[in-house]
Amino acid sequence: MLRFKSLISAWAAVVILTIPLFPCHINFKPEKVLVERGQPATVTLRVELEHRRCPLPLEDTEISEDHVEIIEQGPWTKTGRNLYEVELTLILHAERGELRVIRECDKKGLSEGILKVVAR
């Protein structure tokens, strides 16, 4: 019986250690934006850190704009355990555009979030 318990414990340890841990989770609120061209829209960028002591500062989060311009960015605010948010005000300059947010972690690799912005 002791040998069986040891075998089960070893198997459980292997399973737990092989489960991949994901890098930061990046999303937006709302998930998709419908806006009049040239009119401002406000979205919230949310980043949930995978590691409690993340080596990558929030300020090093890369945001690239495609046919969308960020005209105002608020400060990062901690809203939960390992959860941070920043409010962005943006303007769409075409029929469609997107914001692409990238965080590259030395420990876990690349995290990416994409917000689609569409004209009404």
N, C-alpha and C. Protein backbone atom coordinates (compact mmCIF):
# COMPACT_ATOMS: atom_id res chain seq x y z
N MET A 1 0.82 -1.20 0.00
CA MET A 1 0.00 0.00 0.00
C MET A 1 0.87 1.26 0.00
N LEU A 2 1.96 1.25 0.76
CA LEU A 2 2.86 2.40 0.82
C LEU A 2 3.48 2.66 -0.55
N ARG A 3 3.82 1.58 -1.24
CA ARG A 3 4.42 1.71 -2.57
C ARG A 3 3.40 2.32 -3.55
N PHE A 4 2.14 1.93 -3.44
CA PHE A 4 1.08 2.47 -4.28
C PHE A 4 0.90 3.97 -4.03
N LYS A 5 0.92 4.38 -2.78
CA LYS A 5 0.78 5.81 -2.44
C LYS A 5 1.97 6.60 -2.97
N SER A 6 3.16 6.03 -2.89
CA SER A 6 4.35 6.71 -3.41
C SER A 6 4.25 6.87 -4.92
N LEU A 7 3.76 5.83 -5.59
CA LEU A 7 3.60 5.88 -7.03
C LEU A 7 2.58 6.96 -7.43
N ILE A 8 1.47 7.02 -6.73
CA ILE A 8 0.44 8.04 -7.00
C ILE A 8 1.00 9.43 -6.74
N SER A 9 1.73 9.61 -5.67
CA SER A 9 2.33 10.92 -5.35
C SER A 9 3.31 11.34 -6.43
N ALA A 10 4.14 10.42 -6.90
CA ALA A 10 5.10 10.74 -7.96
C ALA A 10 4.38 11.11 -9.24
N TRP A 11 3.32 10.36 -9.59
CA TRP A 11 2.56 10.66 -10.79
C TRP A 11 1.91 12.05 -10.69
N ALA A 12 1.34 12.37 -9.55
CA ALA A 12 0.70 13.68 -9.34
C ALA A 12 1.73 14.80 -9.49
N ALA A 13 2.92 14.61 -8.94
CA ALA A 13 3.97 15.63 -9.05
C ALA A 13 4.36 15.85 -10.51
N VAL A 14 4.48 14.79 -11.29
CA VAL A 14 4.82 14.92 -12.71
C VAL A 14 3.72 15.67 -13.45
N VAL A 15 2.48 15.33 -13.19
CA VAL A 15 1.36 16.02 -13.86
C VAL A 15 1.35 17.50 -13.52
N ILE A 16 1.51 17.85 -12.26
CA ILE A 16 1.49 19.25 -11.83
C ILE A 16 2.66 20.02 -12.43
N LEU A 17 3.82 19.42 -12.47
CA LEU A 17 5.00 20.11 -12.99
C LEU A 17 4.99 20.27 -14.50
N THR A 18 4.20 19.46 -15.20
CA THR A 18 4.16 19.58 -16.66
C THR A 18 3.03 20.45 -17.16
N ILE A 19 2.16 20.93 -16.29
CA ILE A 19 1.11 21.84 -16.71
C ILE A 19 1.75 23.18 -17.06
N PRO A 20 1.54 23.68 -18.27
CA PRO A 20 2.17 24.94 -18.65
C PRO A 20 1.55 26.12 -17.90
N LEU A 21 2.40 27.00 -17.44
CA LEU A 21 1.93 28.24 -16.83
C LEU A 21 1.95 29.30 -17.91
N PHE A 22 0.86 30.01 -18.04
CA PHE A 22 0.75 30.99 -19.10
C PHE A 22 1.35 32.32 -18.65
N PRO A 23 1.85 33.09 -19.62
CA PRO A 23 2.34 34.42 -19.27
C PRO A 23 1.17 35.34 -18.90
N CYS A 24 1.41 36.61 -18.82
CA CYS A 24 0.39 37.57 -18.44
C CYS A 24 -0.86 37.42 -19.31
N HIS A 25 -2.00 37.69 -18.72
CA HIS A 25 -3.26 37.68 -19.46
C HIS A 25 -3.61 39.12 -19.76
N ILE A 26 -3.82 39.41 -21.03
CA ILE A 26 -4.10 40.78 -21.48
C ILE A 26 -5.48 40.79 -22.15
N ASN A 27 -6.35 41.70 -21.69
CA ASN A 27 -7.65 41.84 -22.33
C ASN A 27 -8.14 43.28 -22.21
N PHE A 28 -9.24 43.54 -22.88
CA PHE A 28 -9.81 44.88 -22.93
C PHE A 28 -11.25 44.84 -22.47
N LYS A 29 -11.69 46.00 -21.97
CA LYS A 29 -13.08 46.17 -21.57
C LYS A 29 -13.55 47.46 -22.22
N PRO A 30 -14.44 47.45 -23.16
CA PRO A 30 -15.12 46.32 -23.79
C PRO A 30 -14.15 45.54 -24.69
N GLU A 31 -14.57 44.35 -25.10
CA GLU A 31 -13.72 43.48 -25.91
C GLU A 31 -13.61 43.94 -27.36
N LYS A 32 -14.60 44.68 -27.84
CA LYS A 32 -14.61 45.23 -29.19
C LYS A 32 -15.26 46.60 -29.12
N VAL A 33 -14.76 47.55 -29.92
CA VAL A 33 -15.25 48.92 -29.86
C VAL A 33 -15.88 49.32 -31.19
N LEU A 34 -17.12 49.82 -31.12
CA LEU A 34 -17.79 50.45 -32.26
C LEU A 34 -17.82 51.94 -31.97
N VAL A 35 -17.29 52.73 -32.90
CA VAL A 35 -17.17 54.17 -32.66
C VAL A 35 -17.31 54.92 -33.97
N GLU A 36 -17.77 56.15 -33.88
CA GLU A 36 -17.80 57.03 -35.05
C GLU A 36 -16.36 57.44 -35.38
N ARG A 37 -16.04 57.43 -36.67
CA ARG A 37 -14.69 57.86 -37.07
C ARG A 37 -14.43 59.27 -36.60
N GLY A 38 -13.25 59.47 -36.01
CA GLY A 38 -12.87 60.79 -35.53
C GLY A 38 -13.39 61.14 -34.15
N GLN A 39 -14.25 60.30 -33.59
CA GLN A 39 -14.80 60.56 -32.26
C GLN A 39 -14.04 59.73 -31.21
N PRO A 40 -13.82 60.29 -30.03
CA PRO A 40 -13.08 59.54 -29.01
C PRO A 40 -13.89 58.39 -28.42
N ALA A 41 -13.18 57.35 -28.04
CA ALA A 41 -13.76 56.20 -27.34
C ALA A 41 -12.83 55.85 -26.19
N THR A 42 -13.40 55.39 -25.10
CA THR A 42 -12.59 55.03 -23.93
C THR A 42 -12.67 53.53 -23.71
N VAL A 43 -11.50 52.92 -23.51
CA VAL A 43 -11.42 51.49 -23.21
C VAL A 43 -10.50 51.30 -22.00
N THR A 44 -10.66 50.16 -21.37
CA THR A 44 -9.80 49.80 -20.25
C THR A 44 -8.94 48.62 -20.66
N LEU A 45 -7.63 48.81 -20.56
CA LEU A 45 -6.68 47.74 -20.81
C LEU A 45 -6.40 47.05 -19.48
N ARG A 46 -6.57 45.73 -19.45
CA ARG A 46 -6.37 44.95 -18.22
C ARG A 46 -5.21 43.97 -18.41
N VAL A 47 -4.29 43.97 -17.46
CA VAL A 47 -3.16 43.05 -17.49
C VAL A 47 -3.13 42.29 -16.16
N GLU A 48 -3.27 40.97 -16.25
CA GLU A 48 -3.16 40.12 -15.07
C GLU A 48 -1.80 39.44 -15.12
N LEU A 49 -0.95 39.77 -14.16
CA LEU A 49 0.41 39.24 -14.14
C LEU A 49 0.41 37.77 -13.72
N GLU A 50 1.22 36.98 -14.39
CA GLU A 50 1.36 35.57 -14.04
C GLU A 50 2.20 35.42 -12.76
N HIS A 51 3.23 36.23 -12.66
CA HIS A 51 4.13 36.12 -11.51
C HIS A 51 3.90 37.28 -10.54
N ARG A 52 3.90 36.96 -9.28
CA ARG A 52 3.68 37.98 -8.25
C ARG A 52 4.74 39.07 -8.34
N ARG A 53 5.95 38.67 -8.59
CA ARG A 53 7.05 39.64 -8.73
C ARG A 53 7.52 39.64 -10.18
N CYS A 54 6.71 40.17 -11.03
CA CYS A 54 7.01 40.19 -12.46
C CYS A 54 8.24 41.07 -12.72
N PRO A 55 9.22 40.55 -13.48
CA PRO A 55 10.42 41.34 -13.75
C PRO A 55 10.20 42.46 -14.76
N LEU A 56 9.08 42.42 -15.48
CA LEU A 56 8.79 43.42 -16.51
C LEU A 56 7.85 44.48 -15.96
N PRO A 57 8.32 45.72 -15.82
CA PRO A 57 7.44 46.79 -15.31
C PRO A 57 6.26 47.02 -16.24
N LEU A 58 5.14 47.44 -15.68
CA LEU A 58 3.95 47.72 -16.48
C LEU A 58 4.23 48.79 -17.53
N GLU A 59 5.09 49.73 -17.20
CA GLU A 59 5.41 50.82 -18.13
C GLU A 59 6.12 50.31 -19.39
N ASP A 60 6.69 49.08 -19.33
CA ASP A 60 7.35 48.50 -20.49
C ASP A 60 6.40 47.70 -21.38
N THR A 61 5.11 47.78 -21.10
CA THR A 61 4.11 47.14 -21.94
C THR A 61 4.06 47.89 -23.27
N GLU A 62 4.24 47.17 -24.37
CA GLU A 62 4.24 47.80 -25.69
C GLU A 62 2.83 47.86 -26.25
N ILE A 63 2.44 49.04 -26.74
CA ILE A 63 1.13 49.21 -27.37
C ILE A 63 1.37 49.75 -28.78
N SER A 64 0.95 48.98 -29.79
CA SER A 64 1.09 49.46 -31.16
C SER A 64 -0.30 49.80 -31.70
N GLU A 65 -0.35 50.84 -32.50
CA GLU A 65 -1.61 51.35 -33.02
C GLU A 65 -1.66 51.15 -34.53
N ASP A 66 -2.79 50.65 -35.02
CA ASP A 66 -3.00 50.49 -36.45
C ASP A 66 -4.32 51.18 -36.80
N HIS A 67 -4.23 52.36 -37.41
CA HIS A 67 -5.38 53.20 -37.77
C HIS A 67 -6.14 53.69 -36.54
N VAL A 68 -5.53 53.57 -35.38
CA VAL A 68 -6.10 54.04 -34.12
C VAL A 68 -5.03 54.85 -33.43
N GLU A 69 -5.43 55.97 -32.85
CA GLU A 69 -4.48 56.81 -32.12
C GLU A 69 -4.92 56.94 -30.66
N ILE A 70 -3.99 56.66 -29.76
CA ILE A 70 -4.26 56.87 -28.34
C ILE A 70 -4.02 58.34 -28.05
N ILE A 71 -5.07 59.06 -27.65
CA ILE A 71 -4.92 60.49 -27.39
C ILE A 71 -4.73 60.77 -25.90
N GLU A 72 -5.07 59.79 -25.06
CA GLU A 72 -4.87 59.98 -23.63
C GLU A 72 -4.71 58.61 -22.97
N GLN A 73 -3.74 58.52 -22.06
CA GLN A 73 -3.52 57.29 -21.32
C GLN A 73 -3.41 57.64 -19.84
N GLY A 74 -4.26 57.01 -19.03
CA GLY A 74 -4.24 57.25 -17.59
C GLY A 74 -3.12 56.47 -16.93
N PRO A 75 -3.05 56.55 -15.62
CA PRO A 75 -2.02 55.80 -14.88
C PRO A 75 -2.45 54.34 -14.67
N TRP A 76 -1.48 53.46 -14.50
CA TRP A 76 -1.78 52.08 -14.15
C TRP A 76 -2.32 52.04 -12.73
N THR A 77 -3.38 51.28 -12.53
CA THR A 77 -4.01 51.16 -11.22
C THR A 77 -4.14 49.68 -10.87
N LYS A 78 -3.77 49.33 -9.63
CA LYS A 78 -3.94 47.95 -9.17
C LYS A 78 -5.40 47.78 -8.75
N THR A 79 -6.09 46.81 -9.38
CA THR A 79 -7.52 46.61 -9.09
C THR A 79 -7.80 45.25 -8.48
N GLY A 80 -6.79 44.44 -8.32
CA GLY A 80 -6.96 43.12 -7.73
C GLY A 80 -5.60 42.48 -7.55
N ARG A 81 -5.63 41.25 -7.04
CA ARG A 81 -4.37 40.54 -6.85
C ARG A 81 -3.74 40.27 -8.22
N ASN A 82 -2.60 40.87 -8.47
CA ASN A 82 -1.86 40.74 -9.73
C ASN A 82 -2.63 41.29 -10.94
N LEU A 83 -3.66 42.10 -10.71
CA LEU A 83 -4.47 42.66 -11.79
C LEU A 83 -4.30 44.17 -11.83
N TYR A 84 -3.94 44.69 -13.00
CA TYR A 84 -3.72 46.12 -13.19
C TYR A 84 -4.53 46.59 -14.39
N GLU A 85 -4.97 47.84 -14.31
CA GLU A 85 -5.77 48.42 -15.40
C GLU A 85 -5.26 49.82 -15.72
N VAL A 86 -5.44 50.21 -16.97
CA VAL A 86 -5.16 51.56 -17.41
C VAL A 86 -6.26 51.95 -18.39
N GLU A 87 -6.73 53.18 -18.26
CA GLU A 87 -7.78 53.67 -19.16
C GLU A 87 -7.13 54.38 -20.34
N LEU A 88 -7.61 54.05 -21.54
CA LEU A 88 -7.09 54.64 -22.77
C LEU A 88 -8.23 55.34 -23.50
N THR A 89 -7.97 56.53 -23.99
CA THR A 89 -8.91 57.22 -24.86
C THR A 89 -8.29 57.22 -26.25
N LEU A 90 -9.07 56.78 -27.23
CA LEU A 90 -8.52 56.63 -28.57
C LEU A 90 -9.47 57.18 -29.62
N ILE A 91 -8.90 57.39 -30.80
CA ILE A 91 -9.66 57.86 -31.96
C ILE A 91 -9.35 56.94 -33.13
N LEU A 92 -10.39 56.55 -33.87
CA LEU A 92 -10.25 55.71 -35.05
C LEU A 92 -10.12 56.62 -36.27
N HIS A 93 -9.10 56.35 -37.12
CA HIS A 93 -8.85 57.18 -38.30
C HIS A 93 -9.24 56.50 -39.61
N ALA A 94 -9.78 55.29 -39.55
CA ALA A 94 -10.18 54.55 -40.76
C ALA A 94 -11.46 53.78 -40.45
N GLU A 95 -11.86 52.89 -41.35
CA GLU A 95 -13.06 52.08 -41.09
C GLU A 95 -12.81 51.02 -40.03
N ARG A 96 -11.59 50.53 -39.99
CA ARG A 96 -11.19 49.51 -39.01
C ARG A 96 -9.80 49.82 -38.50
N GLY A 97 -9.56 49.42 -37.27
CA GLY A 97 -8.24 49.58 -36.69
C GLY A 97 -8.08 48.62 -35.53
N GLU A 98 -6.89 48.62 -34.95
CA GLU A 98 -6.68 47.77 -33.79
C GLU A 98 -5.54 48.29 -32.93
N LEU A 99 -5.64 47.94 -31.66
CA LEU A 99 -4.55 48.15 -30.72
C LEU A 99 -3.98 46.77 -30.42
N ARG A 100 -2.67 46.66 -30.45
CA ARG A 100 -2.00 45.40 -30.13
C ARG A 100 -1.10 45.66 -28.93
N VAL A 101 -1.32 44.89 -27.87
CA VAL A 101 -0.56 45.05 -26.63
C VAL A 101 0.32 43.83 -26.44
N ILE A 102 1.60 44.08 -26.20
CA ILE A 102 2.57 42.99 -26.09
C ILE A 102 3.40 43.16 -24.82
N ARG A 103 3.54 42.06 -24.09
CA ARG A 103 4.46 41.98 -22.95
C ARG A 103 5.32 40.75 -23.17
N GLU A 104 6.64 40.93 -23.16
CA GLU A 104 7.54 39.80 -23.36
C GLU A 104 8.29 39.53 -22.07
N CYS A 105 7.95 38.39 -21.46
CA CYS A 105 8.49 38.01 -20.17
C CYS A 105 9.70 37.08 -20.35
N ASP A 106 10.77 37.34 -19.61
CA ASP A 106 11.95 36.48 -19.66
C ASP A 106 11.64 35.08 -19.14
N LYS A 107 10.66 34.98 -18.24
CA LYS A 107 10.33 33.69 -17.63
C LYS A 107 9.38 32.87 -18.47
N LYS A 108 8.35 33.51 -19.05
CA LYS A 108 7.28 32.77 -19.70
C LYS A 108 7.05 33.09 -21.17
N GLY A 109 7.71 34.07 -21.71
CA GLY A 109 7.54 34.36 -23.13
C GLY A 109 6.59 35.50 -23.42
N LEU A 110 5.96 35.43 -24.57
CA LEU A 110 5.18 36.52 -25.13
C LEU A 110 3.71 36.46 -24.71
N SER A 111 3.19 37.60 -24.28
CA SER A 111 1.76 37.77 -24.01
C SER A 111 1.26 38.83 -24.98
N GLU A 112 0.04 38.62 -25.51
CA GLU A 112 -0.47 39.57 -26.48
C GLU A 112 -1.98 39.72 -26.32
N GLY A 113 -2.43 40.94 -26.49
CA GLY A 113 -3.85 41.23 -26.50
C GLY A 113 -4.16 42.15 -27.68
N ILE A 114 -5.28 41.90 -28.33
CA ILE A 114 -5.65 42.71 -29.51
C ILE A 114 -7.06 43.24 -29.31
N LEU A 115 -7.23 44.54 -29.54
CA LEU A 115 -8.53 45.18 -29.49
C LEU A 115 -8.90 45.62 -30.90
N LYS A 116 -10.03 45.13 -31.39
CA LYS A 116 -10.55 45.53 -32.70
C LYS A 116 -11.42 46.76 -32.51
N VAL A 117 -11.18 47.77 -33.35
CA VAL A 117 -11.97 49.00 -33.32
C VAL A 117 -12.59 49.17 -34.71
N VAL A 118 -13.93 49.32 -34.74
CA VAL A 118 -14.65 49.36 -36.00
C VAL A 118 -15.54 50.60 -36.02
N ALA A 119 -15.61 51.25 -37.20
CA ALA A 119 -16.47 52.42 -37.37
C ALA A 119 -17.92 51.97 -37.50
N ARG A 120 -18.83 52.78 -36.94
CA ARG A 120 -20.27 52.49 -37.06
C ARG A 120 -20.76 52.84 -38.43
